[in-house]
Amino acid sequence: MNAVRVLRELHGLGVRLDVRGEKVHYDAPAGVMTSERLEQLRTVKPHLVELLAEPITHQRAPRKQWCDRCRRLESQGIRVLACSVCDRKVSSTG
């Protein structure tokens, strides 16, 4: 299972994930984090850290300039840190 799929599934179940350093923390409704889901989380942890970690320096386009893909992912609870389409808009207008 890939990290994006795990994020979507957990988001749909009301789970909120947060990365602090190299640790992934979660806040979940009671009973949601089964042993299978915890194992999935452990399996994709390196990818989650990369996806959810705050970049040191990065400039994103304003939301109103985001591409359809970025808007769709964000609406699914997936935090988009970089996008070649949106970032090109930033550099061309910046």
PDB file of N, CA and C in Angstrom:
ATOM      1  N   MET A   1       0.853  -1.188   0.000  1.00  0.00           N
ATOM      2  CA  MET A   1       0.000   0.000   0.000  1.00  0.00           C
ATOM      3  C   MET A   1       0.891   1.241   0.000  1.00  0.00           C
ATOM      4  N   ASN A   2       0.526   2.239  -0.804  1.00  0.00           N
ATOM      5  CA  ASN A   2       1.366   3.437  -0.850  1.00  0.00           C
ATOM      6  C   ASN A   2       0.887   4.501   0.136  1.00  0.00           C
ATOM      7  N   ALA A   3       1.741   5.468   0.388  1.00  0.00           N
ATOM      8  CA  ALA A   3       1.483   6.482   1.409  1.00  0.00           C
ATOM      9  C   ALA A   3       0.240   7.306   1.100  1.00  0.00           C
ATOM     10  N   VAL A   4       0.042   7.669  -0.151  1.00  0.00           N
ATOM     11  CA  VAL A   4      -1.125   8.494  -0.513  1.00  0.00           C
ATOM     12  C   VAL A   4      -2.410   7.718  -0.248  1.00  0.00           C
ATOM     13  N   ARG A   5      -2.411   6.443  -0.577  1.00  0.00           N
ATOM     14  CA  ARG A   5      -3.597   5.617  -0.335  1.00  0.00           C
ATOM     15  C   ARG A   5      -3.892   5.505   1.171  1.00  0.00           C
ATOM     16  N   VAL A   6      -2.835   5.332   1.959  1.00  0.00           N
ATOM     17  CA  VAL A   6      -2.999   5.260   3.418  1.00  0.00           C
ATOM     18  C   VAL A   6      -3.550   6.591   3.941  1.00  0.00           C
ATOM     19  N   LEU A   7      -3.008   7.714   3.466  1.00  0.00           N
ATOM     20  CA  LEU A   7      -3.506   9.033   3.878  1.00  0.00           C
ATOM     21  C   LEU A   7      -4.985   9.195   3.557  1.00  0.00           C
ATOM     22  N   ARG A   8      -5.371   8.802   2.358  1.00  0.00           N
ATOM     23  CA  ARG A   8      -6.783   8.918   1.958  1.00  0.00           C
ATOM     24  C   ARG A   8      -7.685   8.076   2.848  1.00  0.00           C
ATOM     25  N   GLU A   9      -7.281   6.832   3.067  1.00  0.00           N
ATOM     26  CA  GLU A   9      -8.088   5.938   3.890  1.00  0.00           C
ATOM     27  C   GLU A   9      -8.245   6.488   5.305  1.00  0.00           C
ATOM     28  N   LEU A  10      -7.124   6.893   5.903  1.00  0.00           N
ATOM     29  CA  LEU A  10      -7.181   7.392   7.275  1.00  0.00           C
ATOM     30  C   LEU A  10      -7.964   8.703   7.369  1.00  0.00           C
ATOM     31  N   HIS A  11      -7.780   9.580   6.398  1.00  0.00           N
ATOM     32  CA  HIS A  11      -8.536  10.831   6.385  1.00  0.00           C
ATOM     33  C   HIS A  11     -10.036  10.540   6.320  1.00  0.00           C
ATOM     34  N   GLY A  12     -10.420   9.590   5.491  1.00  0.00           N
ATOM     35  CA  GLY A  12     -11.824   9.207   5.371  1.00  0.00           C
ATOM     36  C   GLY A  12     -12.401   8.644   6.656  1.00  0.00           C
ATOM     37  N   LEU A  13     -11.549   8.111   7.508  1.00  0.00           N
ATOM     38  CA  LEU A  13     -11.979   7.557   8.788  1.00  0.00           C
ATOM     39  C   LEU A  13     -11.885   8.564   9.929  1.00  0.00           C
ATOM     40  N   GLY A  14     -11.490   9.810   9.594  1.00  0.00           N
ATOM     41  CA  GLY A  14     -11.424  10.850  10.610  1.00  0.00           C
ATOM     42  C   GLY A  14     -10.099  10.935  11.341  1.00  0.00           C
ATOM     43  N   VAL A  15      -9.070  10.307  10.794  1.00  0.00           N
ATOM     44  CA  VAL A  15      -7.745  10.329  11.427  1.00  0.00           C
ATOM     45  C   VAL A  15      -6.974  11.544  10.932  1.00  0.00           C
ATOM     46  N   ARG A  16      -6.344  12.245  11.857  1.00  0.00           N
ATOM     47  CA  ARG A  16      -5.499  13.384  11.525  1.00  0.00           C
ATOM     48  C   ARG A  16      -4.051  13.005  11.814  1.00  0.00           C
ATOM     49  N   LEU A  17      -3.181  13.218  10.830  1.00  0.00           N
ATOM     50  CA  LEU A  17      -1.770  12.888  10.987  1.00  0.00           C
ATOM     51  C   LEU A  17      -0.939  14.153  11.091  1.00  0.00           C
ATOM     52  N   ASP A  18       0.152  14.063  11.834  1.00  0.00           N
ATOM     53  CA  ASP A  18       1.057  15.187  12.016  1.00  0.00           C
ATOM     54  C   ASP A  18       2.472  14.639  12.103  1.00  0.00           C
ATOM     55  N   VAL A  19       3.391  15.277  11.405  1.00  0.00           N
ATOM     56  CA  VAL A  19       4.795  14.864  11.453  1.00  0.00           C
ATOM     57  C   VAL A  19       5.565  15.880  12.273  1.00  0.00           C
ATOM     58  N   ARG A  20       6.287  15.373  13.257  1.00  0.00           N
ATOM     59  CA  ARG A  20       7.164  16.205  14.083  1.00  0.00           C
ATOM     60  C   ARG A  20       8.535  15.552  14.065  1.00  0.00           C
ATOM     61  N   GLY A  21       9.442  16.167  13.319  1.00  0.00           N
ATOM     62  CA  GLY A  21      10.756  15.552  13.133  1.00  0.00           C
ATOM     63  C   GLY A  21      10.607  14.303  12.290  1.00  0.00           C
ATOM     64  N   GLU A  22      11.036  13.179  12.841  1.00  0.00           N
ATOM     65  CA  GLU A  22      10.923  11.901  12.135  1.00  0.00           C
ATOM     66  C   GLU A  22       9.768  11.057  12.677  1.00  0.00           C
ATOM     67  N   LYS A  23       8.939  11.648  13.536  1.00  0.00           N
ATOM     68  CA  LYS A  23       7.837  10.901  14.147  1.00  0.00           C
ATOM     69  C   LYS A  23       6.504  11.294  13.523  1.00  0.00           C
ATOM     70  N   VAL A  24       5.657  10.293  13.297  1.00  0.00           N
ATOM     71  CA  VAL A  24       4.309  10.522  12.795  1.00  0.00           C
ATOM     72  C   VAL A  24       3.354  10.341  13.967  1.00  0.00           C
ATOM     73  N   HIS A  25       2.597  11.385  14.264  1.00  0.00           N
ATOM     74  CA  HIS A  25       1.596  11.335  15.332  1.00  0.00           C
ATOM     75  C   HIS A  25       0.223  11.305  14.693  1.00  0.00           C
ATOM     76  N   TYR A  26      -0.708  10.669  15.370  1.00  0.00           N
ATOM     77  CA  TYR A  26      -2.070  10.633  14.844  1.00  0.00           C
ATOM     78  C   TYR A  26      -3.080  10.904  15.941  1.00  0.00           C
ATOM     79  N   ASP A  27      -4.209  11.414  15.523  1.00  0.00           N
ATOM     80  CA  ASP A  27      -5.361  11.611  16.391  1.00  0.00           C
ATOM     81  C   ASP A  27      -6.511  10.915  15.685  1.00  0.00           C
ATOM     82  N   ALA A  28      -7.067   9.903  16.311  1.00  0.00           N
ATOM     83  CA  ALA A  28      -8.075   9.079  15.647  1.00  0.00           C
ATOM     84  C   ALA A  28      -9.253   8.795  16.566  1.00  0.00           C
ATOM     85  N   PRO A  29     -10.431   8.641  15.969  1.00  0.00           N
ATOM     86  CA  PRO A  29     -11.577   8.214  16.767  1.00  0.00           C
ATOM     87  C   PRO A  29     -11.300   6.829  17.371  1.00  0.00           C
ATOM     88  N   ALA A  30     -11.908   6.560  18.484  1.00  0.00           N
ATOM     89  CA  ALA A  30     -11.710   5.284  19.172  1.00  0.00           C
ATOM     90  C   ALA A  30     -12.011   4.109  18.241  1.00  0.00           C
ATOM     91  N   GLY A  31     -11.113   3.127  18.260  1.00  0.00           N
ATOM     92  CA  GLY A  31     -11.308   1.897  17.508  1.00  0.00           C
ATOM     93  C   GLY A  31     -10.872   1.935  16.051  1.00  0.00           C
ATOM     94  N   VAL A  32     -10.514   3.097  15.554  1.00  0.00           N
ATOM     95  CA  VAL A  32     -10.144   3.212  14.140  1.00  0.00           C
ATOM     96  C   VAL A  32      -8.755   2.645  13.870  1.00  0.00           C
ATOM     97  N   MET A  33      -7.820   2.899  14.750  1.00  0.00           N
ATOM     98  CA  MET A  33      -6.439   2.475  14.510  1.00  0.00           C
ATOM     99  C   MET A  33      -6.251   1.021  14.946  1.00  0.00           C
ATOM    100  N   THR A  34      -6.668   0.124  14.072  1.00  0.00           N
ATOM    101  CA  THR A  34      -6.511  -1.308  14.306  1.00  0.00           C
ATOM    102  C   THR A  34      -5.042  -1.683  14.133  1.00  0.00           C
ATOM    103  N   SER A  35      -4.707  -2.891  14.519  1.00  0.00           N
ATOM    104  CA  SER A  35      -3.322  -3.338  14.359  1.00  0.00           C
ATOM    105  C   SER A  35      -2.916  -3.349  12.885  1.00  0.00           C
ATOM    106  N   GLU A  36      -3.858  -3.673  11.989  1.00  0.00           N
ATOM    107  CA  GLU A  36      -3.561  -3.657  10.550  1.00  0.00           C
ATOM    108  C   GLU A  36      -3.258  -2.238  10.071  1.00  0.00           C
ATOM    109  N   ARG A  37      -4.038  -1.257  10.517  1.00  0.00           N
ATOM    110  CA  ARG A  37      -3.809   0.128  10.101  1.00  0.00           C
ATOM    111  C   ARG A  37      -2.508   0.668  10.682  1.00  0.00           C
ATOM    112  N   LEU A  38      -2.200   0.304  11.905  1.00  0.00           N
ATOM    113  CA  LEU A  38      -0.934   0.728  12.506  1.00  0.00           C
ATOM    114  C   LEU A  38       0.246   0.140  11.725  1.00  0.00           C
ATOM    115  N   GLU A  39       0.118  -1.112  11.290  1.00  0.00           N
ATOM    116  CA  GLU A  39       1.182  -1.727  10.492  1.00  0.00           C
ATOM    117  C   GLU A  39       1.323  -1.018   9.144  1.00  0.00           C
ATOM    118  N   GLN A  40       0.192  -0.650   8.516  1.00  0.00           N
ATOM    119  CA  GLN A  40       0.245   0.107   7.263  1.00  0.00           C
ATOM    120  C   GLN A  40       0.975   1.434   7.487  1.00  0.00           C
ATOM    121  N   LEU A  41       0.650   2.082   8.590  1.00  0.00           N
ATOM    122  CA  LEU A  41       1.278   3.359   8.921  1.00  0.00           C
ATOM    123  C   LEU A  41       2.789   3.182   9.092  1.00  0.00           C
ATOM    124  N   ARG A  42       3.198   2.133   9.777  1.00  0.00           N
ATOM    125  CA  ARG A  42       4.630   1.869   9.959  1.00  0.00           C
ATOM    126  C   ARG A  42       5.313   1.595   8.617  1.00  0.00           C
ATOM    127  N   THR A  43       4.639   0.868   7.749  1.00  0.00           N
ATOM    128  CA  THR A  43       5.209   0.491   6.456  1.00  0.00           C
ATOM    129  C   THR A  43       5.485   1.714   5.583  1.00  0.00           C
ATOM    130  N   VAL A  44       4.570   2.688   5.597  1.00  0.00           N
ATOM    131  CA  VAL A  44       4.715   3.860   4.716  1.00  0.00           C
ATOM    132  C   VAL A  44       5.284   5.084   5.451  1.00  0.00           C
ATOM    133  N   LYS A  45       5.707   4.888   6.701  1.00  0.00           N
ATOM    134  CA  LYS A  45       6.175   6.011   7.514  1.00  0.00           C
ATOM    135  C   LYS A  45       7.233   6.877   6.825  1.00  0.00           C
ATOM    136  N   PRO A  46       8.280   6.305   6.216  1.00  0.00           N
ATOM    137  CA  PRO A  46       9.279   7.172   5.572  1.00  0.00           C
ATOM    138  C   PRO A  46       8.659   8.069   4.497  1.00  0.00           C
ATOM    139  N   HIS A  47       7.722   7.533   3.760  1.00  0.00           N
ATOM    140  CA  HIS A  47       7.054   8.313   2.715  1.00  0.00           C
ATOM    141  C   HIS A  47       6.127   9.361   3.320  1.00  0.00           C
ATOM    142  N   LEU A  48       5.459   9.011   4.424  1.00  0.00           N
ATOM    143  CA  LEU A  48       4.594   9.980   5.103  1.00  0.00           C
ATOM    144  C   LEU A  48       5.416  11.145   5.642  1.00  0.00           C
ATOM    145  N   VAL A  49       6.560  10.839   6.227  1.00  0.00           N
ATOM    146  CA  VAL A  49       7.427  11.902   6.757  1.00  0.00           C
ATOM    147  C   VAL A  49       7.813  12.852   5.625  1.00  0.00           C
ATOM    148  N   GLU A  50       8.154  12.275   4.480  1.00  0.00           N
ATOM    149  CA  GLU A  50       8.527  13.092   3.326  1.00  0.00           C
ATOM    150  C   GLU A  50       7.338  13.904   2.808  1.00  0.00           C
ATOM    151  N   LEU A  51       6.161  13.291   2.751  1.00  0.00           N
ATOM    152  CA  LEU A  51       4.972  13.978   2.245  1.00  0.00           C
ATOM    153  C   LEU A  51       4.477  15.081   3.170  1.00  0.00           C
ATOM    154  N   LEU A  52       4.529  14.820   4.466  1.00  0.00           N
ATOM    155  CA  LEU A  52       3.907  15.730   5.423  1.00  0.00           C
ATOM    156  C   LEU A  52       4.869  16.698   6.100  1.00  0.00           C
ATOM    157  N   ALA A  53       6.167  16.442   5.980  1.00  0.00           N
ATOM    158  CA  ALA A  53       7.141  17.308   6.645  1.00  0.00           C
ATOM    159  C   ALA A  53       7.121  18.702   6.024  1.00  0.00           C
ATOM    160  N   GLU A  54       7.302  19.678   6.838  1.00  0.00           N
ATOM    161  CA  GLU A  54       7.336  21.073   6.383  1.00  0.00           C
ATOM    162  C   GLU A  54       8.678  21.345   5.717  1.00  0.00           C
ATOM    163  N   PRO A  55       8.682  21.777   4.482  1.00  0.00           N
ATOM    164  CA  PRO A  55       9.961  22.087   3.842  1.00  0.00           C
ATOM    165  C   PRO A  55      10.597  23.318   4.484  1.00  0.00           C
ATOM    166  N   ILE A  56      11.912  23.385   4.456  1.00  0.00           N
ATOM    167  CA  ILE A  56      12.608  24.514   5.064  1.00  0.00           C
ATOM    168  C   ILE A  56      12.338  25.793   4.286  1.00  0.00           C
ATOM    169  N   THR A  57      12.523  25.759   2.991  1.00  0.00           N
ATOM    170  CA  THR A  57      12.212  26.914   2.173  1.00  0.00           C
ATOM    171  C   THR A  57      11.426  26.447   0.956  1.00  0.00           C
ATOM    172  N   HIS A  58      10.257  26.961   0.810  1.00  0.00           N
ATOM    173  CA  HIS A  58       9.429  26.603  -0.334  1.00  0.00           C
ATOM    174  C   HIS A  58       8.342  27.653  -0.491  1.00  0.00           C
ATOM    175  N   GLN A  59       8.113  28.040  -1.703  1.00  0.00           N
ATOM    176  CA  GLN A  59       7.060  29.013  -1.947  1.00  0.00           C
ATOM    177  C   GLN A  59       5.989  28.369  -2.807  1.00  0.00           C
ATOM    178  N   ARG A  60       4.772  28.394  -2.330  1.00  0.00           N
ATOM    179  CA  ARG A  60       3.640  27.840  -3.072  1.00  0.00           C
ATOM    180  C   ARG A  60       2.845  28.973  -3.690  1.00  0.00           C
ATOM    181  N   ALA A  61       2.171  28.659  -4.761  1.00  0.00           N
ATOM    182  CA  ALA A  61       1.246  29.614  -5.363  1.00  0.00           C
ATOM    183  C   ALA A  61       0.074  29.811  -4.403  1.00  0.00           C
ATOM    184  N   PRO A  62      -0.591  30.959  -4.442  1.00  0.00           N
ATOM    185  CA  PRO A  62      -1.807  31.129  -3.645  1.00  0.00           C
ATOM    186  C   PRO A  62      -2.844  30.080  -4.066  1.00  0.00           C
ATOM    187  N   ARG A  63      -3.686  29.652  -3.134  1.00  0.00           N
ATOM    188  CA  ARG A  63      -4.679  28.605  -3.419  1.00  0.00           C
ATOM    189  C   ARG A  63      -5.501  28.885  -4.672  1.00  0.00           C
ATOM    190  N   LYS A  64      -5.854  30.135  -4.890  1.00  0.00           N
ATOM    191  CA  LYS A  64      -6.689  30.454  -6.056  1.00  0.00           C
ATOM    192  C   LYS A  64      -5.961  30.167  -7.369  1.00  0.00           C
ATOM    193  N   GLN A  65      -4.643  29.995  -7.327  1.00  0.00           N
ATOM    194  CA  GLN A  65      -3.861  29.687  -8.521  1.00  0.00           C
ATOM    195  C   GLN A  65      -3.478  28.213  -8.618  1.00  0.00           C
ATOM    196  N   TRP A  66      -3.905  27.395  -7.661  1.00  0.00           N
ATOM    197  CA  TRP A  66      -3.550  25.982  -7.681  1.00  0.00           C
ATOM    198  C   TRP A  66      -4.192  25.271  -8.856  1.00  0.00           C
ATOM    199  N   CYS A  67      -3.515  24.238  -9.341  1.00  0.00           N
ATOM    200  CA  CYS A  67      -4.071  23.408 -10.411  1.00  0.00           C
ATOM    201  C   CYS A  67      -5.183  22.523  -9.831  1.00  0.00           C
ATOM    202  N   ASP A  68      -5.965  21.929 -10.709  1.00  0.00           N
ATOM    203  CA  ASP A  68      -7.079  21.073 -10.274  1.00  0.00           C
ATOM    204  C   ASP A  68      -6.604  19.901  -9.422  1.00  0.00           C
ATOM    205  N   ARG A  69      -5.453  19.318  -9.767  1.00  0.00           N
ATOM    206  CA  ARG A  69      -4.935  18.181  -9.011  1.00  0.00           C
ATOM    207  C   ARG A  69      -4.631  18.582  -7.573  1.00  0.00           C
ATOM    208  N   CYS A  70      -3.970  19.719  -7.386  1.00  0.00           N
ATOM    209  CA  CYS A  70      -3.642  20.169  -6.026  1.00  0.00           C
ATOM    210  C   CYS A  70      -4.909  20.463  -5.224  1.00  0.00           C
ATOM    211  N   ARG A  71      -5.887  21.093  -5.841  1.00  0.00           N
ATOM    212  CA  ARG A  71      -7.149  21.371  -5.143  1.00  0.00           C
ATOM    213  C   ARG A  71      -7.845  20.080  -4.733  1.00  0.00           C
ATOM    214  N   ARG A  72      -7.855  19.092  -5.628  1.00  0.00           N
ATOM    215  CA  ARG A  72      -8.520  17.815  -5.344  1.00  0.00           C
ATOM    216  C   ARG A  72      -7.817  17.089  -4.191  1.00  0.00           C
ATOM    217  N   LEU A  73      -6.478  17.030  -4.234  1.00  0.00           N
ATOM    218  CA  LEU A  73      -5.739  16.358  -3.166  1.00  0.00           C
ATOM    219  C   LEU A  73      -5.949  17.047  -1.826  1.00  0.00           C
ATOM    220  N   GLU A  74      -5.895  18.366  -1.826  1.00  0.00           N
ATOM    221  CA  GLU A  74      -6.089  19.122  -0.582  1.00  0.00           C
ATOM    222  C   GLU A  74      -7.490  18.879  -0.015  1.00  0.00           C
ATOM    223  N   SER A  75      -8.497  18.789  -0.890  1.00  0.00           N
ATOM    224  CA  SER A  75      -9.867  18.543  -0.422  1.00  0.00           C
ATOM    225  C   SER A  75     -10.015  17.145   0.178  1.00  0.00           C
ATOM    226  N   GLN A  76      -9.097  16.240  -0.185  1.00  0.00           N
ATOM    227  CA  GLN A  76      -9.093  14.886   0.368  1.00  0.00           C
ATOM    228  C   GLN A  76      -8.229  14.791   1.628  1.00  0.00           C
ATOM    229  N   GLY A  77      -7.712  15.933   2.066  1.00  0.00           N
ATOM    230  CA  GLY A  77      -6.908  15.954   3.279  1.00  0.00           C
ATOM    231  C   GLY A  77      -5.441  15.641   3.054  1.00  0.00           C
ATOM    232  N   ILE A  78      -5.019  15.659   1.799  1.00  0.00           N
ATOM    233  CA  ILE A  78      -3.620  15.381   1.484  1.00  0.00           C
ATOM    234  C   ILE A  78      -2.907  16.703   1.269  1.00  0.00           C
ATOM    235  N   ARG A  79      -1.928  16.952   2.080  1.00  0.00           N
ATOM    236  CA  ARG A  79      -1.204  18.214   2.037  1.00  0.00           C
ATOM    237  C   ARG A  79      -0.213  18.213   0.878  1.00  0.00           C
ATOM    238  N   VAL A  80      -0.370  19.139  -0.017  1.00  0.00           N
ATOM    239  CA  VAL A  80       0.501  19.230  -1.186  1.00  0.00           C
ATOM    240  C   VAL A  80       1.620  20.214  -0.876  1.00  0.00           C
ATOM    241  N   LEU A  81       2.846  19.730  -0.893  1.00  0.00           N
ATOM    242  CA  LEU A  81       3.989  20.574  -0.557  1.00  0.00           C
ATOM    243  C   LEU A  81       4.647  21.189  -1.782  1.00  0.00           C
ATOM    244  N   ALA A  82       4.517  20.547  -2.918  1.00  0.00           N
ATOM    245  CA  ALA A  82       5.131  21.062  -4.137  1.00  0.00           C
ATOM    246  C   ALA A  82       4.380  20.520  -5.346  1.00  0.00           C
ATOM    247  N   CYS A  83       4.361  21.317  -6.387  1.00  0.00           N
ATOM    248  CA  CYS A  83       3.711  20.908  -7.628  1.00  0.00           C
ATOM    249  C   CYS A  83       4.390  21.649  -8.771  1.00  0.00           C
ATOM    250  N   SER A  84       4.835  20.912  -9.759  1.00  0.00           N
ATOM    251  CA  SER A  84       5.550  21.550 -10.864  1.00  0.00           C
ATOM    252  C   SER A  84       4.651  22.522 -11.618  1.00  0.00           C
ATOM    253  N   VAL A  85       3.365  22.256 -11.691  1.00  0.00           N
ATOM    254  CA  VAL A  85       2.441  23.166 -12.381  1.00  0.00           C
ATOM    255  C   VAL A  85       2.239  24.433 -11.569  1.00  0.00           C
ATOM    256  N   CYS A  86       1.916  24.292 -10.300  1.00  0.00           N
ATOM    257  CA  CYS A  86       1.671  25.455  -9.433  1.00  0.00           C
ATOM    258  C   CYS A  86       2.952  26.250  -9.211  1.00  0.00           C
ATOM    259  N   ASP A  87       4.053  25.559  -8.994  1.00  0.00           N
ATOM    260  CA  ASP A  87       5.321  26.242  -8.735  1.00  0.00           C
ATOM    261  C   ASP A  87       5.786  27.013  -9.962  1.00  0.00           C
ATOM    262  N   ARG A  88       5.476  26.509 -11.137  1.00  0.00           N
ATOM    263  CA  ARG A  88       5.819  27.240 -12.347  1.00  0.00           C
ATOM    264  C   ARG A  88       5.062  28.555 -12.379  1.00  0.00           C
ATOM    265  N   LYS A  89       3.805  28.535 -11.915  1.00  0.00           N
ATOM    266  CA  LYS A  89       3.023  29.776 -11.853  1.00  0.00           C
ATOM    267  C   LYS A  89       3.681  30.762 -10.915  1.00  0.00           C
ATOM    268  N   VAL A  90       4.216  30.276  -9.788  1.00  0.00           N
ATOM    269  CA  VAL A  90       4.868  31.171  -8.831  1.00  0.00           C
ATOM    270  C   VAL A  90       6.089  31.802  -9.472  1.00  0.00           C
ATOM    271  N   SER A  91       6.922  30.997 -10.117  1.00  0.00           N
ATOM    272  CA  SER A  91       8.153  31.541 -10.678  1.00  0.00           C
ATOM    273  C   SER A  91       7.879  32.460 -11.873  1.00  0.00           C
ATOM    274  N   SER A  92       6.793  32.185 -12.618  1.00  0.00           N
ATOM    275  CA  SER A  92       6.519  33.034 -13.774  1.00  0.00           C
ATOM    276  C   SER A  92       5.879  34.367 -13.361  1.00  0.00           C
ATOM    277  N   THR A  93       5.212  34.395 -12.194  1.00  0.00           N
ATOM    278  CA  THR A  93       4.596  35.630 -11.736  1.00  0.00           C
ATOM    279  C   THR A  93       5.466  36.334 -10.700  1.00  0.00           C
ATOM    280  N   GLY A  94       6.447  35.598 -10.142  1.00  0.00           N
ATOM    281  CA  GLY A  94       7.256  36.136  -9.067  1.00  0.00           C
ATOM    282  C   GLY A  94       8.404  36.906  -9.580  1.00  0.00           C
TER     283      GLY A  94
END
